[in-house]
Amino acid sequence: MRTTLNISIPPGLKREVEKEVKAGNYASISEFFRDALRSWKEEQLVREIRESQAEIARGEGKVLKSLADLD
């Protein structure tokens, strides 16, 4: 199920988004923003993974023996 979200953007940005849709890069303006949000979430995950890798490299990682160790 989807929900509706209304946002305000500057006219220039709106034109850029419409240009991408018109060029066929996205099926709709909504799809453009869904893709942008997915990319943002992906970038967050990559940052978290890199932070975890840095912790492990510094010897700050924790060895888990079971899922209960996550608590």
Protein backbone atom coordinates (compact mmCIF):
# COMPACT_ATOMS: atom_id res chain seq x y z
CA MET A 1 0.00 0.00 0.00
CA ARG A 2 1.26 3.46 -0.81
CA THR A 3 0.66 6.74 0.89
CA THR A 4 0.64 10.24 -0.55
CA LEU A 5 3.23 12.83 0.39
CA ASN A 6 3.05 16.43 -0.80
CA ILE A 7 6.32 18.34 -1.09
CA SER A 8 7.30 21.84 -2.18
CA ILE A 9 10.32 22.28 -4.43
CA PRO A 10 11.75 25.30 -6.24
CA PRO A 11 10.50 25.85 -9.81
CA GLY A 12 13.93 25.12 -11.28
CA LEU A 13 14.10 21.75 -9.57
CA LYS A 14 10.57 20.95 -10.74
CA ARG A 15 11.64 21.65 -14.32
CA GLU A 16 14.65 19.35 -13.90
CA VAL A 17 12.45 16.52 -12.62
CA GLU A 18 9.92 17.04 -15.42
CA LYS A 19 12.78 17.01 -17.93
CA GLU A 20 13.92 13.60 -16.63
CA VAL A 21 10.38 12.23 -16.89
CA LYS A 22 9.88 13.66 -20.38
CA ALA A 23 13.20 12.13 -21.48
CA GLY A 24 11.82 8.74 -20.49
CA ASN A 25 14.22 8.20 -17.60
CA TYR A 26 11.26 7.84 -15.21
CA ALA A 27 7.64 6.85 -15.76
CA SER A 28 6.37 9.67 -13.55
CA ILE A 29 7.39 12.38 -11.13
CA SER A 30 6.45 10.03 -8.30
CA GLU A 31 8.79 7.37 -9.68
CA PHE A 32 11.60 9.94 -9.81
CA PHE A 33 11.19 10.69 -6.12
CA ARG A 34 10.78 7.02 -5.16
CA ASP A 35 14.08 6.33 -6.92
CA ALA A 36 15.73 9.30 -5.19
CA LEU A 37 14.57 8.01 -1.80
CA ARG A 38 15.78 4.48 -2.57
CA SER A 39 19.20 5.89 -3.53
CA TRP A 40 19.30 7.92 -0.31
CA LYS A 41 18.51 4.81 1.76
CA GLU A 42 21.20 2.86 -0.12
CA GLU A 43 23.76 5.56 0.62
CA GLN A 44 22.81 5.43 4.31
CA LEU A 45 23.36 1.67 4.34
CA VAL A 46 26.74 2.00 2.62
CA ARG A 47 27.81 4.63 5.20
CA GLU A 48 26.78 2.33 8.05
CA ILE A 49 28.67 -0.59 6.51
CA ARG A 50 31.80 1.55 6.10
CA GLU A 51 31.53 2.71 9.71
CA SER A 52 31.23 -0.92 10.82
CA GLN A 53 34.23 -1.90 8.71
CA ALA A 54 36.26 0.91 10.29
CA GLU A 55 35.24 -0.28 13.78
CA ILE A 56 36.32 -3.82 12.91
CA ALA A 57 39.63 -2.53 11.51
CA ARG A 58 40.22 -0.70 14.82
CA GLY A 59 39.51 -3.91 16.72
CA GLU A 60 36.23 -2.61 18.09
CA GLY A 61 34.05 -5.30 16.51
CA LYS A 62 32.09 -7.80 18.58
CA VAL A 63 32.02 -11.51 17.78
CA LEU A 64 28.46 -12.82 17.89
CA LYS A 65 27.94 -16.40 18.92
CA SER A 66 24.18 -16.27 18.41
CA LEU A 67 21.42 -13.85 17.44
CA ALA A 68 20.77 -13.28 21.14
CA ASP A 69 24.12 -11.45 21.27
CA LEU A 70 22.58 -8.65 19.20
CA ASP A 71 20.65 -7.38 22.22
